[in-house]
Amino acid sequence: MTAGTLARRNQQPPDKPLLEMDELEYRRAWDQISKSLEAGLISEARRGKSRIMLASAILSLADGRKRIVYASDDAGDGEGLRPVAHLVSRARPRLRDGESIGLEVVTAELEGDGAWALSVKTRRAAGIKALDEFFDKEWIERRVSACRVAATTAMVSVAVLSLANGHRRVVFCDSELGDGEARAAVADLIRRANRLRLLEPAESLERLMVSFTRSATGWLASSRPDPLRGAR
């Protein structure tokens, strides 16, 4: 889920522009915004949200092997899906003989034992001219070439809510691209939720790192705890 998706959920912007605030005012305003946003995410999780959606550009090599060229989580608003669909569309003219590329959307449901139940749908892909500036020909060619050499894994950082009854729910997720930004976003959410006391008694939040891999026979997902630094 992108920052833009989160921002649009807030319906009560601060009266004073953030850029005109001093440090204390800025923190208080951001706490107000975060409390509204994150309380909504946690409430949605309590009502049963337990899934991740991952849009993926899948390269099929001439020998049948599958590669993840690019993947992004999607919150259901298409923000994650659109750039992946664009890449698939623009990459097709640059493939070698015997290769193909397609758009797959994976839905991963968190089960009671901590495993992920997967379902997959194939979607049509269309390019978006406005995205050519961000996903240009050279970038796409580099991604496809790298995937021919070695298999890739899609990583998603996830905030998971444990309820008082032992059930676990997905609060927030963000695709980790190797720069640590997704892990930091999830950590910030968890720390603010604890500081602002958004959890009910016996509830807790933890960060997981979920790995998605694509083989010739299908998808696999596994997760591991990703504790916050300094957390006990």
C-alpha atoms as a PDB file:
ATOM      1  CA  MET A   1       0.000   0.000   0.000  1.00  0.00           C
ATOM      2  CA  THR A   2       1.453   3.352  -0.988  1.00  0.00           C
ATOM      3  CA  ALA A   3       1.659   6.567   1.017  1.00  0.00           C
ATOM      4  CA  GLY A   4      -0.905   8.060  -1.367  1.00  0.00           C
ATOM      5  CA  THR A   5      -3.420   5.367  -0.497  1.00  0.00           C
ATOM      6  CA  LEU A   6      -2.939   6.052   3.201  1.00  0.00           C
ATOM      7  CA  ALA A   7      -3.168   9.813   2.781  1.00  0.00           C
ATOM      8  CA  ARG A   8      -6.499   9.663   0.973  1.00  0.00           C
ATOM      9  CA  ARG A   9      -8.061   7.803   3.900  1.00  0.00           C
ATOM     10  CA  ASN A  10      -7.551  10.806   6.155  1.00  0.00           C
ATOM     11  CA  GLN A  11     -10.570  13.115   6.137  1.00  0.00           C
ATOM     12  CA  GLN A  12      -9.375  15.689   8.697  1.00  0.00           C
ATOM     13  CA  PRO A  13      -6.228  17.515   7.511  1.00  0.00           C
ATOM     14  CA  PRO A  14      -4.562  19.894  10.017  1.00  0.00           C
ATOM     15  CA  ASP A  15      -5.674  23.549   9.957  1.00  0.00           C
ATOM     16  CA  LYS A  16      -2.113  24.837   9.576  1.00  0.00           C
ATOM     17  CA  PRO A  17       0.136  23.714   6.665  1.00  0.00           C
ATOM     18  CA  LEU A  18       2.728  21.184   7.822  1.00  0.00           C
ATOM     19  CA  LEU A  19       5.590  23.207   6.322  1.00  0.00           C
ATOM     20  CA  GLU A  20       4.727  26.178   8.562  1.00  0.00           C
ATOM     21  CA  MET A  21       4.769  24.177  11.808  1.00  0.00           C
ATOM     22  CA  ASP A  22       7.563  23.974  14.341  1.00  0.00           C
ATOM     23  CA  GLU A  23       8.808  20.539  15.413  1.00  0.00           C
ATOM     24  CA  LEU A  24       6.326  20.081  18.262  1.00  0.00           C
ATOM     25  CA  GLU A  25       3.360  21.231  16.188  1.00  0.00           C
ATOM     26  CA  TYR A  26       4.431  18.957  13.340  1.00  0.00           C
ATOM     27  CA  ARG A  27       4.623  15.902  15.598  1.00  0.00           C
ATOM     28  CA  ARG A  28       1.228  16.611  17.151  1.00  0.00           C
ATOM     29  CA  ALA A  29      -0.357  17.108  13.721  1.00  0.00           C
ATOM     30  CA  TRP A  30       1.206  13.949  12.333  1.00  0.00           C
ATOM     31  CA  ASP A  31       0.059  12.017  15.419  1.00  0.00           C
ATOM     32  CA  GLN A  32      -3.488  13.249  14.769  1.00  0.00           C
ATOM     33  CA  ILE A  33      -3.323  12.166  11.131  1.00  0.00           C
ATOM     34  CA  SER A  34      -1.699   8.841  11.995  1.00  0.00           C
ATOM     35  CA  LYS A  35      -4.204   8.094  14.735  1.00  0.00           C
ATOM     36  CA  SER A  36      -7.077   8.478  12.292  1.00  0.00           C
ATOM     37  CA  LEU A  37      -5.397   6.486   9.535  1.00  0.00           C
ATOM     38  CA  GLU A  38      -3.997   3.685  11.606  1.00  0.00           C
ATOM     39  CA  ALA A  39      -7.019   3.319  13.852  1.00  0.00           C
ATOM     40  CA  GLY A  40      -8.996   2.739  10.653  1.00  0.00           C
ATOM     41  CA  LEU A  41      -6.522   0.123   9.418  1.00  0.00           C
ATOM     42  CA  ILE A  42      -6.576  -1.699  12.756  1.00  0.00           C
ATOM     43  CA  SER A  43     -10.382  -1.575  12.898  1.00  0.00           C
ATOM     44  CA  GLU A  44     -10.538  -3.044   9.382  1.00  0.00           C
ATOM     45  CA  ALA A  45      -8.188  -5.835  10.465  1.00  0.00           C
ATOM     46  CA  ARG A  46     -10.330  -6.626  13.503  1.00  0.00           C
ATOM     47  CA  ARG A  47     -13.299  -7.074  11.160  1.00  0.00           C
ATOM     48  CA  GLY A  48     -11.480  -9.891   9.396  1.00  0.00           C
ATOM     49  CA  LYS A  49      -8.899  -8.553   6.930  1.00  0.00           C
ATOM     50  CA  SER A  50      -6.276 -11.262   6.536  1.00  0.00           C
ATOM     51  CA  ARG A  51      -4.960 -11.069   2.998  1.00  0.00           C
ATOM     52  CA  ILE A  52      -2.201  -9.657   0.852  1.00  0.00           C
ATOM     53  CA  MET A  53      -2.614  -8.975  -2.869  1.00  0.00           C
ATOM     54  CA  LEU A  54       0.533  -9.042  -4.986  1.00  0.00           C
ATOM     55  CA  ALA A  55       0.590  -7.995  -8.644  1.00  0.00           C
ATOM     56  CA  SER A  56       3.493  -9.618 -10.478  1.00  0.00           C
ATOM     57  CA  ALA A  57       5.077  -9.452 -13.934  1.00  0.00           C
ATOM     58  CA  ILE A  58       6.044 -13.051 -14.732  1.00  0.00           C
ATOM     59  CA  LEU A  59       8.591 -13.866 -17.414  1.00  0.00           C
ATOM     60  CA  SER A  60       8.339 -17.353 -18.925  1.00  0.00           C
ATOM     61  CA  LEU A  61      11.688 -18.429 -20.354  1.00  0.00           C
ATOM     62  CA  ALA A  62      12.024 -20.614 -23.425  1.00  0.00           C
ATOM     63  CA  ASP A  63      12.853 -23.646 -21.247  1.00  0.00           C
ATOM     64  CA  GLY A  64       9.698 -23.212 -19.138  1.00  0.00           C
ATOM     65  CA  ARG A  65      11.255 -21.605 -16.089  1.00  0.00           C
ATOM     66  CA  LYS A  66       9.406 -18.657 -14.500  1.00  0.00           C
ATOM     67  CA  ARG A  67      10.872 -15.413 -13.231  1.00  0.00           C
ATOM     68  CA  ILE A  68       9.400 -12.489 -11.268  1.00  0.00           C
ATOM     69  CA  VAL A  69      10.411  -9.385 -13.202  1.00  0.00           C
ATOM     70  CA  TYR A  70       8.673  -6.932 -10.879  1.00  0.00           C
ATOM     71  CA  ALA A  71       6.014  -7.153  -8.175  1.00  0.00           C
ATOM     72  CA  SER A  72       4.006  -4.717  -6.072  1.00  0.00           C
ATOM     73  CA  ASP A  73       1.394  -5.108  -3.361  1.00  0.00           C
ATOM     74  CA  ASP A  74      -2.061  -3.742  -4.167  1.00  0.00           C
ATOM     75  CA  ALA A  75      -4.649  -2.545  -1.661  1.00  0.00           C
ATOM     76  CA  GLY A  76      -7.534  -3.062  -4.068  1.00  0.00           C
ATOM     77  CA  ASP A  77      -7.341   0.447  -5.527  1.00  0.00           C
ATOM     78  CA  GLY A  78      -5.119  -0.456  -8.484  1.00  0.00           C
ATOM     79  CA  GLU A  79      -2.119   1.624  -7.348  1.00  0.00           C
ATOM     80  CA  GLY A  80       0.078  -1.443  -7.147  1.00  0.00           C
ATOM     81  CA  LEU A  81      -1.461  -3.198 -10.140  1.00  0.00           C
ATOM     82  CA  ARG A  82      -1.148  -0.419 -12.723  1.00  0.00           C
ATOM     83  CA  PRO A  83       2.661  -0.083 -12.839  1.00  0.00           C
ATOM     84  CA  VAL A  84       3.092  -3.859 -13.065  1.00  0.00           C
ATOM     85  CA  ALA A  85       0.556  -4.073 -15.900  1.00  0.00           C
ATOM     86  CA  HIS A  86       2.387  -1.228 -17.640  1.00  0.00           C
ATOM     87  CA  LEU A  87       5.713  -3.032 -17.382  1.00  0.00           C
ATOM     88  CA  VAL A  88       4.226  -6.238 -18.815  1.00  0.00           C
ATOM     89  CA  SER A  89       2.787  -4.353 -21.774  1.00  0.00           C
ATOM     90  CA  ARG A  90       6.002  -2.465 -22.541  1.00  0.00           C
ATOM     91  CA  ALA A  91       8.265  -5.507 -22.072  1.00  0.00           C
ATOM     92  CA  ARG A  92       6.579  -7.710 -24.684  1.00  0.00           C
ATOM     93  CA  PRO A  93       8.349  -6.232 -27.747  1.00  0.00           C
ATOM     94  CA  ARG A  94      11.719  -6.788 -26.030  1.00  0.00           C
ATOM     95  CA  LEU A  95      11.451 -10.532 -25.391  1.00  0.00           C
ATOM     96  CA  ARG A  96      13.502 -13.241 -27.055  1.00  0.00           C
ATOM     97  CA  ASP A  97      12.090 -16.058 -29.176  1.00  0.00           C
ATOM     98  CA  GLY A  98      10.229 -18.563 -27.027  1.00  0.00           C
ATOM     99  CA  GLU A  99       9.710 -16.131 -24.142  1.00  0.00           C
ATOM    100  CA  SER A 100       6.464 -14.624 -22.907  1.00  0.00           C
ATOM    101  CA  ILE A 101       5.443 -12.288 -20.112  1.00  0.00           C
ATOM    102  CA  GLY A 102       2.148 -12.012 -18.243  1.00  0.00           C
ATOM    103  CA  LEU A 103       0.429 -10.353 -15.297  1.00  0.00           C
ATOM    104  CA  GLU A 104      -0.481 -12.533 -12.334  1.00  0.00           C
ATOM    105  CA  VAL A 105      -2.282 -11.343  -9.201  1.00  0.00           C
ATOM    106  CA  VAL A 106      -1.632 -13.477  -6.138  1.00  0.00           C
ATOM    107  CA  THR A 107      -3.950 -13.349  -3.138  1.00  0.00           C
ATOM    108  CA  ALA A 108      -2.379 -14.681   0.056  1.00  0.00           C
ATOM    109  CA  GLU A 109      -4.711 -15.389   2.994  1.00  0.00           C
ATOM    110  CA  LEU A 110      -3.121 -15.664   6.442  1.00  0.00           C
ATOM    111  CA  GLU A 111      -4.267 -18.885   8.081  1.00  0.00           C
ATOM    112  CA  GLY A 112      -4.454 -19.750  11.757  1.00  0.00           C
ATOM    113  CA  ASP A 113      -1.228 -21.740  11.737  1.00  0.00           C
ATOM    114  CA  GLY A 114       0.714 -18.854  10.207  1.00  0.00           C
ATOM    115  CA  ALA A 115       0.831 -20.338   6.701  1.00  0.00           C
ATOM    116  CA  TRP A 116      -0.436 -18.498   3.627  1.00  0.00           C
ATOM    117  CA  ALA A 117      -3.160 -19.936   1.397  1.00  0.00           C
ATOM    118  CA  LEU A 118      -2.576 -18.762  -2.169  1.00  0.00           C
ATOM    119  CA  SER A 119      -4.883 -18.165  -5.115  1.00  0.00           C
ATOM    120  CA  VAL A 120      -3.800 -16.736  -8.456  1.00  0.00           C
ATOM    121  CA  LYS A 121      -5.567 -14.904 -11.270  1.00  0.00           C
ATOM    122  CA  THR A 122      -4.164 -13.935 -14.659  1.00  0.00           C
ATOM    123  CA  ARG A 123      -5.030 -10.402 -15.716  1.00  0.00           C
ATOM    124  CA  ARG A 124      -4.779  -8.478 -18.983  1.00  0.00           C
ATOM    125  CA  ALA A 125      -2.050  -5.866 -19.068  1.00  0.00           C
ATOM    126  CA  ALA A 126      -2.180  -2.440 -20.693  1.00  0.00           C
ATOM    127  CA  GLY A 127       0.467   0.274 -20.842  1.00  0.00           C
ATOM    128  CA  ILE A 128      -0.040   3.762 -19.428  1.00  0.00           C
ATOM    129  CA  LYS A 129       1.773   6.538 -21.282  1.00  0.00           C
ATOM    130  CA  ALA A 130       2.215   8.630 -18.146  1.00  0.00           C
ATOM    131  CA  LEU A 131       4.286   5.821 -16.604  1.00  0.00           C
ATOM    132  CA  ASP A 132       6.823   5.715 -19.430  1.00  0.00           C
ATOM    133  CA  GLU A 133       8.817   8.393 -17.624  1.00  0.00           C
ATOM    134  CA  PHE A 134       9.249   6.148 -14.573  1.00  0.00           C
ATOM    135  CA  PHE A 135       9.498   2.740 -16.290  1.00  0.00           C
ATOM    136  CA  ASP A 136      11.524   3.533 -19.395  1.00  0.00           C
ATOM    137  CA  LYS A 137      12.835   1.109 -22.013  1.00  0.00           C
ATOM    138  CA  GLU A 138      16.315   0.825 -20.484  1.00  0.00           C
ATOM    139  CA  TRP A 139      14.973   0.075 -16.998  1.00  0.00           C
ATOM    140  CA  ILE A 140      12.613  -2.618 -18.323  1.00  0.00           C
ATOM    141  CA  GLU A 141      15.390  -4.216 -20.367  1.00  0.00           C
ATOM    142  CA  ARG A 142      17.661  -4.339 -17.309  1.00  0.00           C
ATOM    143  CA  ARG A 143      14.945  -5.989 -15.202  1.00  0.00           C
ATOM    144  CA  VAL A 144      14.187  -8.625 -17.840  1.00  0.00           C
ATOM    145  CA  SER A 145      17.875  -9.347 -18.482  1.00  0.00           C
ATOM    146  CA  ALA A 146      18.568  -9.799 -14.764  1.00  0.00           C
ATOM    147  CA  CYS A 147      15.682 -12.253 -14.452  1.00  0.00           C
ATOM    148  CA  ARG A 148      17.083 -14.398 -17.264  1.00  0.00           C
ATOM    149  CA  VAL A 149      20.261 -14.892 -15.232  1.00  0.00           C
ATOM    150  CA  ALA A 150      18.842 -15.661 -11.785  1.00  0.00           C
ATOM    151  CA  ALA A 151      15.558 -16.335 -10.034  1.00  0.00           C
ATOM    152  CA  THR A 152      14.061 -13.489  -8.043  1.00  0.00           C
ATOM    153  CA  THR A 153      11.894 -13.322  -4.933  1.00  0.00           C
ATOM    154  CA  ALA A 154       9.178 -10.789  -4.138  1.00  0.00           C
ATOM    155  CA  MET A 155       9.381  -9.548  -0.553  1.00  0.00           C
ATOM    156  CA  VAL A 156       6.514  -7.915   1.338  1.00  0.00           C
ATOM    157  CA  SER A 157       6.762  -6.376   4.804  1.00  0.00           C
ATOM    158  CA  VAL A 158       3.557  -6.936   6.794  1.00  0.00           C
ATOM    159  CA  ALA A 159       2.085  -5.609  10.052  1.00  0.00           C
ATOM    160  CA  VAL A 160       0.110  -8.439  11.652  1.00  0.00           C
ATOM    161  CA  LEU A 161      -2.398  -7.921  14.470  1.00  0.00           C
ATOM    162  CA  SER A 162      -2.843 -10.702  17.038  1.00  0.00           C
ATOM    163  CA  LEU A 163      -6.307 -10.492  18.603  1.00  0.00           C
ATOM    164  CA  ALA A 164      -7.264 -11.449  22.133  1.00  0.00           C
ATOM    165  CA  ASN A 165      -8.870 -14.660  20.829  1.00  0.00           C
ATOM    166  CA  GLY A 166      -5.616 -15.727  19.164  1.00  0.00           C
ATOM    167  CA  HIS A 167      -6.676 -14.940  15.598  1.00  0.00           C
ATOM    168  CA  ARG A 168      -4.222 -13.032  13.410  1.00  0.00           C
ATOM    169  CA  ARG A 169      -5.080 -10.322  10.893  1.00  0.00           C
ATOM    170  CA  VAL A 170      -3.245  -8.227   8.294  1.00  0.00           C
ATOM    171  CA  VAL A 171      -3.200  -4.512   9.157  1.00  0.00           C
ATOM    172  CA  PHE A 172      -0.841  -3.130   6.521  1.00  0.00           C
ATOM    173  CA  CYS A 173       1.689  -4.352   3.967  1.00  0.00           C
ATOM    174  CA  ASP A 174       4.237  -2.803   1.630  1.00  0.00           C
ATOM    175  CA  SER A 175       6.495  -4.317  -1.031  1.00  0.00           C
ATOM    176  CA  GLU A 176      10.154  -4.302   0.004  1.00  0.00           C
ATOM    177  CA  LEU A 177      12.370  -3.333  -2.930  1.00  0.00           C
ATOM    178  CA  GLY A 178      15.682  -3.725  -1.142  1.00  0.00           C
ATOM    179  CA  ASP A 179      16.032  -0.169   0.161  1.00  0.00           C
ATOM    180  CA  GLY A 180      14.414  -0.824   3.550  1.00  0.00           C
ATOM    181  CA  GLU A 181      11.608   1.689   3.035  1.00  0.00           C
ATOM    182  CA  ALA A 182       8.794  -0.868   3.349  1.00  0.00           C
ATOM    183  CA  ARG A 183      10.224  -2.343   6.548  1.00  0.00           C
ATOM    184  CA  ALA A 184      10.595   1.171   7.961  1.00  0.00           C
ATOM    185  CA  ALA A 185       6.999   2.081   7.058  1.00  0.00           C
ATOM    186  CA  VAL A 186       5.663  -1.001   8.848  1.00  0.00           C
ATOM    187  CA  ALA A 187       7.892  -0.338  11.855  1.00  0.00           C
ATOM    188  CA  ASP A 188       6.667   3.265  12.063  1.00  0.00           C
ATOM    189  CA  LEU A 189       3.043   2.107  12.002  1.00  0.00           C
ATOM    190  CA  ILE A 190       3.617  -0.395  14.802  1.00  0.00           C
ATOM    191  CA  ARG A 191       5.480   2.089  16.985  1.00  0.00           C
ATOM    192  CA  ARG A 192       2.840   4.788  16.526  1.00  0.00           C
ATOM    193  CA  ALA A 193      -0.002   2.364  17.208  1.00  0.00           C
ATOM    194  CA  ASN A 194       1.651   1.378  20.491  1.00  0.00           C
ATOM    195  CA  ARG A 195       2.525   4.963  21.432  1.00  0.00           C
ATOM    196  CA  LEU A 196      -0.970   6.253  20.638  1.00  0.00           C
ATOM    197  CA  ARG A 197      -2.538   3.277  22.446  1.00  0.00           C
ATOM    198  CA  LEU A 198      -4.633   2.110  19.514  1.00  0.00           C
ATOM    199  CA  LEU A 199      -4.617  -1.533  20.601  1.00  0.00           C
ATOM    200  CA  GLU A 200      -7.101  -3.201  22.906  1.00  0.00           C
ATOM    201  CA  PRO A 201      -6.013  -5.265  25.926  1.00  0.00           C
ATOM    202  CA  ALA A 202      -4.288  -8.534  24.946  1.00  0.00           C
ATOM    203  CA  GLU A 203      -3.778  -7.350  21.356  1.00  0.00           C
ATOM    204  CA  SER A 204      -0.320  -6.995  19.840  1.00  0.00           C
ATOM    205  CA  LEU A 205       1.321  -6.042  16.550  1.00  0.00           C
ATOM    206  CA  GLU A 206       4.318  -7.697  14.924  1.00  0.00           C
ATOM    207  CA  ARG A 207       6.236  -7.272  11.694  1.00  0.00           C
ATOM    208  CA  LEU A 208       6.655 -10.191   9.295  1.00  0.00           C
ATOM    209  CA  MET A 209       8.650 -10.507   6.107  1.00  0.00           C
ATOM    210  CA  VAL A 210       6.762 -12.574   3.536  1.00  0.00           C
ATOM    211  CA  SER A 211       8.666 -14.073   0.597  1.00  0.00           C
ATOM    212  CA  PHE A 212       6.902 -14.980  -2.664  1.00  0.00           C
ATOM    213  CA  THR A 213       8.588 -17.213  -5.233  1.00  0.00           C
ATOM    214  CA  ARG A 214       7.354 -18.394  -8.636  1.00  0.00           C
ATOM    215  CA  SER A 215       8.423 -21.777  -9.970  1.00  0.00           C
ATOM    216  CA  ALA A 216       7.442 -23.559 -13.166  1.00  0.00           C
ATOM    217  CA  THR A 217       4.635 -25.286 -11.239  1.00  0.00           C
ATOM    218  CA  GLY A 218       3.202 -22.366  -9.261  1.00  0.00           C
ATOM    219  CA  TRP A 219       3.583 -19.933  -6.397  1.00  0.00           C
ATOM    220  CA  LEU A 220       5.017 -20.432  -2.930  1.00  0.00           C
ATOM    221  CA  ALA A 221       4.874 -18.061   0.056  1.00  0.00           C
ATOM    222  CA  SER A 222       6.662 -18.234   3.378  1.00  0.00           C
ATOM    223  CA  SER A 223       7.096 -15.766   6.216  1.00  0.00           C
ATOM    224  CA  ARG A 224       9.464 -15.130   9.071  1.00  0.00           C
ATOM    225  CA  PRO A 225       9.339 -12.792  12.069  1.00  0.00           C
ATOM    226  CA  ASP A 226      11.034  -9.449  11.458  1.00  0.00           C
ATOM    227  CA  PRO A 227      11.333  -7.927  14.948  1.00  0.00           C
ATOM    228  CA  LEU A 228      11.634  -4.197  15.385  1.00  0.00           C
ATOM    229  CA  ARG A 229      14.941  -2.952  16.661  1.00  0.00           C
ATOM    230  CA  GLY A 230      14.769  -2.483  20.403  1.00  0.00           C
ATOM    231  CA  ALA A 231      11.455  -4.377  20.702  1.00  0.00           C
ATOM    232  CA  ARG A 232      11.076  -6.898  23.472  1.00  0.00           C
END
